[in-house]
Structure formats: C-alpha cells, structure tokens
C-alpha cells in the first residue's frame, strides 16, 4: 500500500526512530504466514503500513502520547472466519469518532490514510476468532509536535476475561469525584473524547480487582450512575431501555449502545437518555455494561446487591448489539 499522493508527505513521514518498512506484498505475505501459526498481535504504522515483526520498536522515547498522554484512540471488534476473511464491526462509525477525538485535541487527522492502513491490517490478519483492532494517534515527538504525528494500529485476540464477562459480571461503584453535569461549562476538559490519558480508567480496573469483582461503575458525587471505565451503562425498566446522557456528563458516546438503541427502537422498544441514581439502578429489571470488544455484559451484582437478571432479554440485547436480532 503506497502512501496516497494526496496526503501531505511531511505529516506522514516516519520519525527517525521508527525502524519500519514501506508495506509491500512481501511484508503482508510474511505477516500472513505468521498469522497462520497463531500470531499474538499485528502492528501497523501510519505512513509505513503493516510491520513484518510485531516486536519491532515503532515509538520514539519522547513521543507526546507516551510522555504526556497527548493523543487519542479508538477500538472495535474484528471477527475472522476460518478462511482468514475478516470483518470489522462498525468501522466507519469508529473512524468518525476517532476523527472527532483528534479534532477535539487539535491533532491533524487523515481519514483516507487511516482507512488504507486498516484495510491492509485486516487483509494481513487471518487468525480465526474474535480480536480487537485499536487505532492510536499522538501529537508526535516533543521536539517537533504535530510534525509529524504518530499513528499506530494493533490487532490482537480478545482477552479470555472479556469473553467470560458476557456470561455476567460483578461490579463495584466508584466515586468519580465530580457532579454529573460538571462538563456543561468546561468543554476544555475534553469530556467525551477518547484520549490516551487512561490512567484513571486503568486504576478503576485495579480497584475493582482489589475488591474481588469484575468491573467498576463510575458514580458522580451527586449520586448518579455514569459509565464504566471502558463501557457504557444500559438499564431496563419493563419494555423501556435507558442510558446515561452525553450532554454535560462528559461520558463517551458509545457506538455499541447507539447500535443497541437503533435496533431496539426498530422493534418498538422505548429508548431514552436519562440520569439514574445507584439506588434506582439496583431496582431495575436488568443492567448491562456495553463495549466494542466484550459487547454485552449483564451486571449480576452491584456492590452488595443482586440485580435482576433476565437471560432471554440479554439475548435480545446481544442480538441488537451484533445485528443478529
């Protein structure tokens, strides 16, 4: 895949510390050969293409994504058939969200270059089963921010713990330390942008494990349920589904949740965006954490309260999330 001539060559020029090759059919064939023997990860670099050795260094020590968390990312599921053909869930929607995150950070974004890189990576990834595709964009090196930017892509199998979570999870609530409407007047705080500054989200996962549960649910200081560290919240009362609103809360616009709402509404199910307290959530007819990799994880226990569980309705949510309703 040669770089598009329509792109600014300087912005896509590799940094001097990126020891990568311009993609070629030979490179992709080499990756495919390894993939057939259970490759654990595929790596690609914007401006270079698929890397023949996933362990090859591709990031400079002073990259602002590493030193400052100054960048954004997105992720979605890849499903690969036994013949090696891969399909990517909602690719265009994820790339659109990725572009919005870049715009919010004022980092240059080249849609066609990313589409080409994703296409090459999908062609090279042939390991059957479910995987996660991640795209990452940083402002580049601290010495020359934005000139060029750094773009990385990885594909790796979905972790077993994520697959297991589809059967049901236990969740602890964690105080997020701000009111539910804090982001209404402070847009510079980057609410709703999927940034690389993910230390708090990872810390939430560690705290959940320390408490002996599977995941966490962020709660505002005024008592409203917000979202998980890596997932959106969905709940049900009767034949009505609801989720946390985006406006003012600073939560990420969930693509999986939007897909569920679209299909549920098409079947006549009422859907809404609203705030809910933790006490009211425990009295719901079911609650789930939704994400692009794990997809649908029913919450069986929230803190020390057993939540209502309806496997048949969870199957409906799964069908809506996967487009197989």
C-alpha atoms as a PDB file:
ATOM      1  CA  UNK A   1       0.000   0.000   0.000  1.00  0.00           C
ATOM      2  CA  UNK A   2       1.870   3.112  -1.149  1.00  0.00           C
ATOM      3  CA  UNK A   3       1.004   6.349   0.684  1.00  0.00           C
ATOM      4  CA  UNK A   4      -1.657   8.424  -1.036  1.00  0.00           C
ATOM      5  CA  UNK A   5      -0.184  11.191  -3.166  1.00  0.00           C
ATOM      6  CA  UNK A   6      -2.978  13.475  -1.954  1.00  0.00           C
ATOM      7  CA  UNK A   7      -1.574  13.460   1.571  1.00  0.00           C
ATOM      8  CA  UNK A   8       0.962  15.868   2.956  1.00  0.00           C
ATOM      9  CA  UNK A   9       4.157  13.822   2.730  1.00  0.00           C
ATOM     10  CA  UNK A  10       5.781  15.682   5.614  1.00  0.00           C
ATOM     11  CA  UNK A  11       2.896  14.958   8.004  1.00  0.00           C
ATOM     12  CA  UNK A  12       3.067  11.226   7.212  1.00  0.00           C
ATOM     13  CA  UNK A  13       6.855  10.980   7.057  1.00  0.00           C
ATOM     14  CA  UNK A  14       8.137   8.469   9.632  1.00  0.00           C
ATOM     15  CA  UNK A  15      10.172   9.771  12.541  1.00  0.00           C
ATOM     16  CA  UNK A  16      13.848   8.873  12.504  1.00  0.00           C
ATOM     17  CA  UNK A  17      13.469   6.379  15.386  1.00  0.00           C
ATOM     18  CA  UNK A  18      10.735   4.341  13.686  1.00  0.00           C
ATOM     19  CA  UNK A  19      12.561   1.432  12.101  1.00  0.00           C
ATOM     20  CA  UNK A  20       9.799   0.307   9.753  1.00  0.00           C
ATOM     21  CA  UNK A  21       9.458  -0.673   6.129  1.00  0.00           C
ATOM     22  CA  UNK A  22       7.134   0.665   3.471  1.00  0.00           C
ATOM     23  CA  UNK A  23       4.474  -2.048   3.137  1.00  0.00           C
ATOM     24  CA  UNK A  24       4.769  -4.455   0.255  1.00  0.00           C
ATOM     25  CA  UNK A  25       3.145  -7.687  -0.817  1.00  0.00           C
ATOM     26  CA  UNK A  26       6.174  -9.499   0.609  1.00  0.00           C
ATOM     27  CA  UNK A  27       5.667  -7.860   4.023  1.00  0.00           C
ATOM     28  CA  UNK A  28       1.977  -8.765   4.125  1.00  0.00           C
ATOM     29  CA  UNK A  29       2.671 -12.335   2.986  1.00  0.00           C
ATOM     30  CA  UNK A  30       5.181 -12.665   5.826  1.00  0.00           C
ATOM     31  CA  UNK A  31       2.612 -11.450   8.343  1.00  0.00           C
ATOM     32  CA  UNK A  32       0.010 -13.834   6.937  1.00  0.00           C
ATOM     33  CA  UNK A  33       2.430 -16.739   7.257  1.00  0.00           C
ATOM     34  CA  UNK A  34       2.979 -15.960  10.918  1.00  0.00           C
ATOM     35  CA  UNK A  35      -0.759 -15.406  11.447  1.00  0.00           C
ATOM     36  CA  UNK A  36      -1.453 -18.943  10.328  1.00  0.00           C
ATOM     37  CA  UNK A  37       0.699 -20.151  13.236  1.00  0.00           C
ATOM     38  CA  UNK A  38      -1.277 -18.200  15.856  1.00  0.00           C
ATOM     39  CA  UNK A  39       0.275 -14.719  15.744  1.00  0.00           C
ATOM     40  CA  UNK A  40      -0.426 -12.936  19.016  1.00  0.00           C
ATOM     41  CA  UNK A  41      -0.509  -9.389  17.644  1.00  0.00           C
ATOM     42  CA  UNK A  42      -0.359  -7.396  14.431  1.00  0.00           C
ATOM     43  CA  UNK A  43       1.212  -3.921  14.355  1.00  0.00           C
ATOM     44  CA  UNK A  44       0.922  -1.255  11.675  1.00  0.00           C
ATOM     45  CA  UNK A  45       2.245   2.312  11.493  1.00  0.00           C
ATOM     46  CA  UNK A  46       0.667   5.259   9.684  1.00  0.00           C
ATOM     47  CA  UNK A  47       2.870   6.142   6.728  1.00  0.00           C
ATOM     48  CA  UNK A  48       4.556   2.714   6.732  1.00  0.00           C
ATOM     49  CA  UNK A  49       1.844   0.067   6.734  1.00  0.00           C
ATOM     50  CA  UNK A  50       1.863  -3.383   8.320  1.00  0.00           C
ATOM     51  CA  UNK A  51       5.089  -4.186  10.160  1.00  0.00           C
ATOM     52  CA  UNK A  52       6.588  -7.597   9.432  1.00  0.00           C
ATOM     53  CA  UNK A  53       7.778  -8.047  13.042  1.00  0.00           C
ATOM     54  CA  UNK A  54       5.233  -7.029  15.724  1.00  0.00           C
ATOM     55  CA  UNK A  55       8.071  -6.736  18.265  1.00  0.00           C
ATOM     56  CA  UNK A  56       9.923  -4.107  16.207  1.00  0.00           C
ATOM     57  CA  UNK A  57      10.202  -0.736  18.038  1.00  0.00           C
ATOM     58  CA  UNK A  58       7.846   1.811  16.494  1.00  0.00           C
ATOM     59  CA  UNK A  59       7.675   4.649  19.057  1.00  0.00           C
ATOM     60  CA  UNK A  60      10.154   7.387  19.965  1.00  0.00           C
ATOM     61  CA  UNK A  61      11.069   7.861  23.622  1.00  0.00           C
ATOM     62  CA  UNK A  62       9.865  11.486  23.552  1.00  0.00           C
ATOM     63  CA  UNK A  63       6.545  10.799  21.834  1.00  0.00           C
ATOM     64  CA  UNK A  64       3.897  13.003  23.459  1.00  0.00           C
ATOM     65  CA  UNK A  65       1.443  10.131  23.596  1.00  0.00           C
ATOM     66  CA  UNK A  66       3.905   8.329  25.864  1.00  0.00           C
ATOM     67  CA  UNK A  67       5.222  11.241  27.911  1.00  0.00           C
ATOM     68  CA  UNK A  68       2.004  13.297  28.209  1.00  0.00           C
ATOM     69  CA  UNK A  69      -0.880  11.075  27.145  1.00  0.00           C
ATOM     70  CA  UNK A  70      -1.423  13.674  24.413  1.00  0.00           C
ATOM     71  CA  UNK A  71      -3.373  11.693  21.879  1.00  0.00           C
ATOM     72  CA  UNK A  72      -6.493   9.668  21.256  1.00  0.00           C
ATOM     73  CA  UNK A  73      -7.520   6.167  20.308  1.00  0.00           C
ATOM     74  CA  UNK A  74     -10.458   4.043  19.304  1.00  0.00           C
ATOM     75  CA  UNK A  75     -11.168   0.334  19.251  1.00  0.00           C
ATOM     76  CA  UNK A  76     -13.596  -2.139  17.762  1.00  0.00           C
ATOM     77  CA  UNK A  77     -14.114  -5.854  17.276  1.00  0.00           C
ATOM     78  CA  UNK A  78     -12.713  -7.869  14.383  1.00  0.00           C
ATOM     79  CA  UNK A  79     -14.291 -11.216  13.529  1.00  0.00           C
ATOM     80  CA  UNK A  80     -12.219 -13.536  11.342  1.00  0.00           C
ATOM     81  CA  UNK A  81     -13.690 -16.598   9.651  1.00  0.00           C
ATOM     82  CA  UNK A  82     -11.867 -19.904   9.256  1.00  0.00           C
ATOM     83  CA  UNK A  83     -10.914 -18.939   5.706  1.00  0.00           C
ATOM     84  CA  UNK A  84      -8.992 -15.928   7.043  1.00  0.00           C
ATOM     85  CA  UNK A  85     -11.530 -13.326   5.943  1.00  0.00           C
ATOM     86  CA  UNK A  86     -12.036 -10.566   8.500  1.00  0.00           C
ATOM     87  CA  UNK A  87     -14.885  -8.155   9.063  1.00  0.00           C
ATOM     88  CA  UNK A  88     -14.689  -5.125  11.328  1.00  0.00           C
ATOM     89  CA  UNK A  89     -17.666  -4.007  13.403  1.00  0.00           C
ATOM     90  CA  UNK A  90     -18.945  -0.518  12.531  1.00  0.00           C
ATOM     91  CA  UNK A  91     -15.615   0.613  11.119  1.00  0.00           C
ATOM     92  CA  UNK A  92     -16.776   3.891   9.609  1.00  0.00           C
ATOM     93  CA  UNK A  93     -18.573   4.912  12.800  1.00  0.00           C
ATOM     94  CA  UNK A  94     -15.452   4.197  14.852  1.00  0.00           C
ATOM     95  CA  UNK A  95     -13.233   6.110  12.431  1.00  0.00           C
ATOM     96  CA  UNK A  96     -15.659   9.037  12.609  1.00  0.00           C
ATOM     97  CA  UNK A  97     -15.440   9.032  16.423  1.00  0.00           C
ATOM     98  CA  UNK A  98     -11.658   8.717  16.173  1.00  0.00           C
ATOM     99  CA  UNK A  99     -11.605  11.774  13.896  1.00  0.00           C
ATOM    100  CA  UNK A 100     -13.801  13.744  16.334  1.00  0.00           C
ATOM    101  CA  UNK A 101     -11.419  12.891  19.169  1.00  0.00           C
ATOM    102  CA  UNK A 102      -8.469  14.105  17.072  1.00  0.00           C
ATOM    103  CA  UNK A 103     -10.339  17.313  16.237  1.00  0.00           C
ATOM    104  CA  UNK A 104     -11.074  17.896  19.926  1.00  0.00           C
ATOM    105  CA  UNK A 105      -7.338  17.600  20.616  1.00  0.00           C
ATOM    106  CA  UNK A 106      -6.444  19.684  17.538  1.00  0.00           C
ATOM    107  CA  UNK A 107      -4.278  16.907  16.090  1.00  0.00           C
ATOM    108  CA  UNK A 108      -4.159  16.538  12.278  1.00  0.00           C
ATOM    109  CA  UNK A 109      -6.196  13.574  11.035  1.00  0.00           C
ATOM    110  CA  UNK A 110      -6.102  11.944   7.582  1.00  0.00           C
ATOM    111  CA  UNK A 111      -9.178   9.790   7.098  1.00  0.00           C
ATOM    112  CA  UNK A 112      -8.107   8.104   3.873  1.00  0.00           C
ATOM    113  CA  UNK A 113      -4.668   7.223   5.246  1.00  0.00           C
ATOM    114  CA  UNK A 114      -6.310   5.550   8.232  1.00  0.00           C
ATOM    115  CA  UNK A 115      -8.799   3.681   6.032  1.00  0.00           C
ATOM    116  CA  UNK A 116      -5.939   2.370   3.890  1.00  0.00           C
ATOM    117  CA  UNK A 117      -3.963   1.299   6.946  1.00  0.00           C
ATOM    118  CA  UNK A 118      -6.982  -0.508   8.421  1.00  0.00           C
ATOM    119  CA  UNK A 119      -7.644  -2.258   5.100  1.00  0.00           C
ATOM    120  CA  UNK A 120      -4.057  -3.528   4.895  1.00  0.00           C
ATOM    121  CA  UNK A 121      -4.142  -4.680   8.514  1.00  0.00           C
ATOM    122  CA  UNK A 122      -7.443  -6.512   8.063  1.00  0.00           C
ATOM    123  CA  UNK A 123      -6.078  -8.270   4.984  1.00  0.00           C
ATOM    124  CA  UNK A 124      -2.987  -9.357   6.905  1.00  0.00           C
ATOM    125  CA  UNK A 125      -4.849 -10.582   9.996  1.00  0.00           C
ATOM    126  CA  UNK A 126      -6.040 -14.161   9.319  1.00  0.00           C
ATOM    127  CA  UNK A 127      -6.270 -15.726  12.787  1.00  0.00           C
ATOM    128  CA  UNK A 128      -9.833 -17.113  13.160  1.00  0.00           C
ATOM    129  CA  UNK A 129     -11.957 -15.844  16.002  1.00  0.00           C
ATOM    130  CA  UNK A 130     -12.598 -12.513  17.695  1.00  0.00           C
ATOM    131  CA  UNK A 131      -9.975  -9.798  18.046  1.00  0.00           C
ATOM    132  CA  UNK A 132      -9.755  -6.114  18.935  1.00  0.00           C
ATOM    133  CA  UNK A 133      -8.498  -3.523  16.470  1.00  0.00           C
ATOM    134  CA  UNK A 134      -7.043  -0.407  18.121  1.00  0.00           C
ATOM    135  CA  UNK A 135      -6.047   2.781  16.349  1.00  0.00           C
ATOM    136  CA  UNK A 136      -3.916   5.330  18.211  1.00  0.00           C
ATOM    137  CA  UNK A 137      -2.903   8.851  17.261  1.00  0.00           C
ATOM    138  CA  UNK A 138      -0.478  11.122  19.134  1.00  0.00           C
ATOM    139  CA  UNK A 139       0.807  14.631  18.584  1.00  0.00           C
ATOM    140  CA  UNK A 140       4.195  13.133  17.741  1.00  0.00           C
ATOM    141  CA  UNK A 141       7.577  13.955  19.203  1.00  0.00           C
ATOM    142  CA  UNK A 142       8.030  16.546  21.932  1.00  0.00           C
ATOM    143  CA  UNK A 143      10.781  18.243  19.927  1.00  0.00           C
ATOM    144  CA  UNK A 144       8.509  18.714  16.871  1.00  0.00           C
ATOM    145  CA  UNK A 145       4.876  18.374  17.996  1.00  0.00           C
ATOM    146  CA  UNK A 146       2.492  17.610  15.154  1.00  0.00           C
ATOM    147  CA  UNK A 147       5.289  17.435  12.569  1.00  0.00           C
ATOM    148  CA  UNK A 148       4.740  14.574  12.030  1.00  0.00           C
ATOM    149  CA  UNK A 149       2.006  12.983  14.115  1.00  0.00           C
ATOM    150  CA  UNK A 150       2.330   9.365  15.219  1.00  0.00           C
ATOM    151  CA  UNK A 151      -0.290   6.842  14.132  1.00  0.00           C
ATOM    152  CA  UNK A 152      -0.319   3.229  15.307  1.00  0.00           C
ATOM    153  CA  UNK A 153      -2.663   0.285  14.802  1.00  0.00           C
ATOM    154  CA  UNK A 154      -2.774  -3.075  16.528  1.00  0.00           C
ATOM    155  CA  UNK A 155      -4.928  -6.179  16.217  1.00  0.00           C
ATOM    156  CA  UNK A 156      -4.854  -8.800  18.978  1.00  0.00           C
ATOM    157  CA  UNK A 157      -7.232 -11.545  20.152  1.00  0.00           C
ATOM    158  CA  UNK A 158      -9.897 -10.537  22.657  1.00  0.00           C
ATOM    159  CA  UNK A 159      -8.783 -11.471  26.164  1.00  0.00           C
ATOM    160  CA  UNK A 160     -10.447 -14.500  27.720  1.00  0.00           C
ATOM    161  CA  UNK A 161     -11.672 -12.422  30.666  1.00  0.00           C
ATOM    162  CA  UNK A 162     -13.636 -10.195  28.293  1.00  0.00           C
ATOM    163  CA  UNK A 163     -15.261 -13.189  26.652  1.00  0.00           C
ATOM    164  CA  UNK A 164     -16.112 -14.641  30.064  1.00  0.00           C
ATOM    165  CA  UNK A 165     -17.756 -11.358  31.076  1.00  0.00           C
ATOM    166  CA  UNK A 166     -20.500 -11.934  28.541  1.00  0.00           C
ATOM    167  CA  UNK A 167     -21.956 -14.519  30.915  1.00  0.00           C
ATOM    168  CA  UNK A 168     -22.328 -11.922  33.660  1.00  0.00           C
ATOM    169  CA  UNK A 169     -20.197  -9.681  35.859  1.00  0.00           C
ATOM    170  CA  UNK A 170     -19.988  -8.311  39.385  1.00  0.00           C
ATOM    171  CA  UNK A 171     -19.435  -4.553  39.608  1.00  0.00           C
ATOM    172  CA  UNK A 172     -18.369  -2.071  42.254  1.00  0.00           C
ATOM    173  CA  UNK A 173     -19.319   1.605  42.269  1.00  0.00           C
ATOM    174  CA  UNK A 174     -16.505   4.167  42.346  1.00  0.00           C
ATOM    175  CA  UNK A 175     -16.967   7.863  43.102  1.00  0.00           C
ATOM    176  CA  UNK A 176     -15.752   9.833  40.067  1.00  0.00           C
ATOM    177  CA  UNK A 177     -15.279  12.939  42.219  1.00  0.00           C
ATOM    178  CA  UNK A 178     -17.435  15.396  40.266  1.00  0.00           C
ATOM    179  CA  UNK A 179     -21.100  16.221  39.727  1.00  0.00           C
ATOM    180  CA  UNK A 180     -22.990  14.645  36.856  1.00  0.00           C
ATOM    181  CA  UNK A 181     -23.277  17.961  34.976  1.00  0.00           C
ATOM    182  CA  UNK A 182     -19.704  19.174  35.543  1.00  0.00           C
ATOM    183  CA  UNK A 183     -18.800  19.181  31.842  1.00  0.00           C
ATOM    184  CA  UNK A 184     -21.630  21.527  30.861  1.00  0.00           C
ATOM    185  CA  UNK A 185     -19.474  24.653  31.093  1.00  0.00           C
ATOM    186  CA  UNK A 186     -15.928  23.233  30.867  1.00  0.00           C
ATOM    187  CA  UNK A 187     -15.509  21.766  27.395  1.00  0.00           C
ATOM    188  CA  UNK A 188     -11.729  22.179  27.571  1.00  0.00           C
ATOM    189  CA  UNK A 189     -11.686  19.218  29.987  1.00  0.00           C
ATOM    190  CA  UNK A 190     -12.138  17.013  26.900  1.00  0.00           C
ATOM    191  CA  UNK A 191     -15.291  15.258  28.032  1.00  0.00           C
ATOM    192  CA  UNK A 192     -16.447  12.667  25.513  1.00  0.00           C
ATOM    193  CA  UNK A 193     -13.035  12.413  23.843  1.00  0.00           C
ATOM    194  CA  UNK A 194     -11.330   9.021  23.879  1.00  0.00           C
ATOM    195  CA  UNK A 195      -7.901  10.212  24.961  1.00  0.00           C
ATOM    196  CA  UNK A 196      -4.774   8.207  25.681  1.00  0.00           C
ATOM    197  CA  UNK A 197      -4.816   9.641  29.230  1.00  0.00           C
ATOM    198  CA  UNK A 198      -6.288   6.412  30.568  1.00  0.00           C
ATOM    199  CA  UNK A 199      -4.552   6.034  33.934  1.00  0.00           C
ATOM    200  CA  UNK A 200      -7.752   6.669  35.938  1.00  0.00           C
ATOM    201  CA  UNK A 201      -9.668   4.095  33.913  1.00  0.00           C
ATOM    202  CA  UNK A 202      -6.930   1.506  34.435  1.00  0.00           C
ATOM    203  CA  UNK A 203      -6.759   2.369  38.144  1.00  0.00           C
ATOM    204  CA  UNK A 204     -10.511   1.735  38.369  1.00  0.00           C
ATOM    205  CA  UNK A 205      -9.961  -1.749  36.982  1.00  0.00           C
ATOM    206  CA  UNK A 206      -7.263  -2.428  39.559  1.00  0.00           C
ATOM    207  CA  UNK A 207      -9.522  -1.208  42.359  1.00  0.00           C
ATOM    208  CA  UNK A 208     -12.323  -3.465  41.125  1.00  0.00           C
ATOM    209  CA  UNK A 209      -9.989  -6.457  41.253  1.00  0.00           C
ATOM    210  CA  UNK A 210      -8.830  -5.449  44.744  1.00  0.00           C
ATOM    211  CA  UNK A 211     -12.467  -5.547  45.804  1.00  0.00           C
ATOM    212  CA  UNK A 212     -12.852  -9.008  44.297  1.00  0.00           C
ATOM    213  CA  UNK A 213     -15.199  -8.042  41.450  1.00  0.00           C
ATOM    214  CA  UNK A 214     -15.012  -7.944  37.674  1.00  0.00           C
ATOM    215  CA  UNK A 215     -15.551  -4.291  36.789  1.00  0.00           C
ATOM    216  CA  UNK A 216     -16.428  -0.835  38.044  1.00  0.00           C
ATOM    217  CA  UNK A 217     -19.151   1.747  37.534  1.00  0.00           C
ATOM    218  CA  UNK A 218     -18.290   5.426  37.894  1.00  0.00           C
ATOM    219  CA  UNK A 219     -20.759   7.387  40.005  1.00  0.00           C
ATOM    220  CA  UNK A 220     -20.987  11.180  40.199  1.00  0.00           C
ATOM    221  CA  UNK A 221     -20.552  12.998  43.506  1.00  0.00           C
ATOM    222  CA  UNK A 222     -24.293  13.733  43.459  1.00  0.00           C
ATOM    223  CA  UNK A 223     -25.166  10.041  43.250  1.00  0.00           C
ATOM    224  CA  UNK A 224     -25.831   9.362  39.560  1.00  0.00           C
ATOM    225  CA  UNK A 225     -24.500   6.348  37.667  1.00  0.00           C
ATOM    226  CA  UNK A 226     -22.303   7.432  34.749  1.00  0.00           C
ATOM    227  CA  UNK A 227     -20.376   4.750  32.845  1.00  0.00           C
ATOM    228  CA  UNK A 228     -17.810   2.007  33.313  1.00  0.00           C
ATOM    229  CA  UNK A 229     -14.079   2.634  32.887  1.00  0.00           C
ATOM    230  CA  UNK A 230     -14.298   1.029  29.439  1.00  0.00           C
ATOM    231  CA  UNK A 231     -18.019   0.610  28.847  1.00  0.00           C
ATOM    232  CA  UNK A 232     -21.336   2.407  28.718  1.00  0.00           C
ATOM    233  CA  UNK A 233     -24.223   1.644  31.053  1.00  0.00           C
ATOM    234  CA  UNK A 234     -27.591   0.337  29.881  1.00  0.00           C
ATOM    235  CA  UNK A 235     -30.576  -0.455  32.091  1.00  0.00           C
ATOM    236  CA  UNK A 236     -34.152  -1.637  31.693  1.00  0.00           C
ATOM    237  CA  UNK A 237     -37.496  -0.989  33.313  1.00  0.00           C
ATOM    238  CA  UNK A 238     -40.169  -3.163  31.736  1.00  0.00           C
ATOM    239  CA  UNK A 239     -40.001  -2.705  27.973  1.00  0.00           C
ATOM    240  CA  UNK A 240     -38.009   0.533  28.233  1.00  0.00           C
ATOM    241  CA  UNK A 241     -34.249   0.874  27.859  1.00  0.00           C
ATOM    242  CA  UNK A 242     -32.206   3.832  29.058  1.00  0.00           C
ATOM    243  CA  UNK A 243     -28.619   5.011  29.220  1.00  0.00           C
ATOM    244  CA  UNK A 244     -26.697   7.958  30.649  1.00  0.00           C
ATOM    245  CA  UNK A 245     -26.923  11.177  28.588  1.00  0.00           C
ATOM    246  CA  UNK A 246     -23.782  12.504  26.929  1.00  0.00           C
ATOM    247  CA  UNK A 247     -24.519  16.221  27.288  1.00  0.00           C
ATOM    248  CA  UNK A 248     -22.969  17.659  30.424  1.00  0.00           C
ATOM    249  CA  UNK A 249     -21.744  14.355  31.856  1.00  0.00           C
ATOM    250  CA  UNK A 250     -18.539  14.126  29.805  1.00  0.00           C
ATOM    251  CA  UNK A 251     -19.030  10.424  29.112  1.00  0.00           C
ATOM    252  CA  UNK A 252     -18.021   8.852  25.820  1.00  0.00           C
ATOM    253  CA  UNK A 253     -20.616   8.419  23.098  1.00  0.00           C
ATOM    254  CA  UNK A 254     -20.873   4.625  22.950  1.00  0.00           C
ATOM    255  CA  UNK A 255     -21.173   3.099  19.496  1.00  0.00           C
ATOM    256  CA  UNK A 256     -22.358  -0.260  20.863  1.00  0.00           C
ATOM    257  CA  UNK A 257     -25.077   1.470  22.882  1.00  0.00           C
ATOM    258  CA  UNK A 258     -26.161   3.507  19.849  1.00  0.00           C
ATOM    259  CA  UNK A 259     -26.430   0.320  17.764  1.00  0.00           C
ATOM    260  CA  UNK A 260     -28.489  -1.360  20.502  1.00  0.00           C
ATOM    261  CA  UNK A 261     -30.831   1.636  20.671  1.00  0.00           C
ATOM    262  CA  UNK A 262     -31.243   1.704  16.890  1.00  0.00           C
ATOM    263  CA  UNK A 263     -32.261  -1.955  16.656  1.00  0.00           C
ATOM    264  CA  UNK A 264     -34.339  -1.919  19.838  1.00  0.00           C
ATOM    265  CA  UNK A 265     -36.303   1.127  18.688  1.00  0.00           C
ATOM    266  CA  UNK A 266     -36.918  -0.576  15.335  1.00  0.00           C
ATOM    267  CA  UNK A 267     -38.616  -3.386  17.277  1.00  0.00           C
ATOM    268  CA  UNK A 268     -40.815  -0.931  19.167  1.00  0.00           C
ATOM    269  CA  UNK A 269     -38.813  -0.809  22.395  1.00  0.00           C
ATOM    270  CA  UNK A 270     -38.800   2.604  24.079  1.00  0.00           C
ATOM    271  CA  UNK A 271     -35.300   4.081  24.486  1.00  0.00           C
ATOM    272  CA  UNK A 272     -34.186   7.184  26.359  1.00  0.00           C
ATOM    273  CA  UNK A 273     -31.199   9.107  27.722  1.00  0.00           C
ATOM    274  CA  UNK A 274     -31.553   9.995  31.380  1.00  0.00           C
ATOM    275  CA  UNK A 275     -29.754  10.094  34.707  1.00  0.00           C
ATOM    276  CA  UNK A 276     -30.352   7.369  37.265  1.00  0.00           C
ATOM    277  CA  UNK A 277     -29.238   7.068  40.882  1.00  0.00           C
ATOM    278  CA  UNK A 278     -27.476   3.942  42.065  1.00  0.00           C
ATOM    279  CA  UNK A 279     -30.422   3.139  44.347  1.00  0.00           C
ATOM    280  CA  UNK A 280     -32.837   3.269  41.411  1.00  0.00           C
ATOM    281  CA  UNK A 281     -30.452   1.243  39.248  1.00  0.00           C
ATOM    282  CA  UNK A 282     -30.470  -1.603  41.772  1.00  0.00           C
ATOM    283  CA  UNK A 283     -34.255  -1.725  41.409  1.00  0.00           C
ATOM    284  CA  UNK A 284     -34.170  -2.018  37.627  1.00  0.00           C
ATOM    285  CA  UNK A 285     -35.250  -5.070  35.634  1.00  0.00           C
ATOM    286  CA  UNK A 286     -31.698  -5.515  34.381  1.00  0.00           C
ATOM    287  CA  UNK A 287     -28.496  -3.624  33.675  1.00  0.00           C
ATOM    288  CA  UNK A 288     -25.574  -4.171  31.334  1.00  0.00           C
ATOM    289  CA  UNK A 289     -22.162  -2.745  30.516  1.00  0.00           C
ATOM    290  CA  UNK A 290     -21.715  -2.364  26.756  1.00  0.00           C
ATOM    291  CA  UNK A 291     -18.406  -2.099  24.907  1.00  0.00           C
ATOM    292  CA  UNK A 292     -16.999  -2.784  21.461  1.00  0.00           C
ATOM    293  CA  UNK A 293     -14.945  -5.849  22.439  1.00  0.00           C
ATOM    294  CA  UNK A 294     -16.862  -7.554  25.236  1.00  0.00           C
ATOM    295  CA  UNK A 295     -20.103  -6.264  23.673  1.00  0.00           C
ATOM    296  CA  UNK A 296     -22.815  -7.138  26.228  1.00  0.00           C
ATOM    297  CA  UNK A 297     -22.027  -7.930  29.870  1.00  0.00           C
ATOM    298  CA  UNK A 298     -25.045  -8.328  32.181  1.00  0.00           C
ATOM    299  CA  UNK A 299     -24.472  -6.879  35.659  1.00  0.00           C
ATOM    300  CA  UNK A 300     -25.416  -9.629  38.103  1.00  0.00           C
ATOM    301  CA  UNK A 301     -24.234  -7.869  41.247  1.00  0.00           C
ATOM    302  CA  UNK A 302     -23.699  -4.174  42.001  1.00  0.00           C
ATOM    303  CA  UNK A 303     -21.759  -3.625  45.224  1.00  0.00           C
ATOM    304  CA  UNK A 304     -23.561  -5.985  47.618  1.00  0.00           C
ATOM    305  CA  UNK A 305     -26.907  -6.032  45.762  1.00  0.00           C
ATOM    306  CA  UNK A 306     -28.007  -8.798  43.418  1.00  0.00           C
ATOM    307  CA  UNK A 307     -29.582  -7.257  40.295  1.00  0.00           C
ATOM    308  CA  UNK A 308     -32.485  -8.698  38.367  1.00  0.00           C
ATOM    309  CA  UNK A 309     -31.312 -10.967  35.582  1.00  0.00           C
ATOM    310  CA  UNK A 310     -33.302 -11.962  32.505  1.00  0.00           C
ATOM    311  CA  UNK A 311     -31.230 -14.208  30.186  1.00  0.00           C
ATOM    312  CA  UNK A 312     -33.875 -14.030  27.468  1.00  0.00           C
ATOM    313  CA  UNK A 313     -33.751 -10.230  27.399  1.00  0.00           C
ATOM    314  CA  UNK A 314     -29.961 -10.308  27.497  1.00  0.00           C
ATOM    315  CA  UNK A 315     -30.130 -12.441  24.345  1.00  0.00           C
ATOM    316  CA  UNK A 316     -32.230  -9.696  22.743  1.00  0.00           C
ATOM    317  CA  UNK A 317     -29.649  -7.068  23.737  1.00  0.00           C
ATOM    318  CA  UNK A 318     -26.891  -9.293  22.317  1.00  0.00           C
ATOM    319  CA  UNK A 319     -28.828  -9.631  19.061  1.00  0.00           C
ATOM    320  CA  UNK A 320     -29.246  -5.858  18.827  1.00  0.00           C
ATOM    321  CA  UNK A 321     -25.550  -5.269  19.568  1.00  0.00           C
ATOM    322  CA  UNK A 322     -24.379  -7.760  16.946  1.00  0.00           C
ATOM    323  CA  UNK A 323     -27.079  -7.089  14.347  1.00  0.00           C
ATOM    324  CA  UNK A 324     -28.477 -10.591  14.692  1.00  0.00           C
ATOM    325  CA  UNK A 325     -31.789  -9.846  16.368  1.00  0.00           C
END
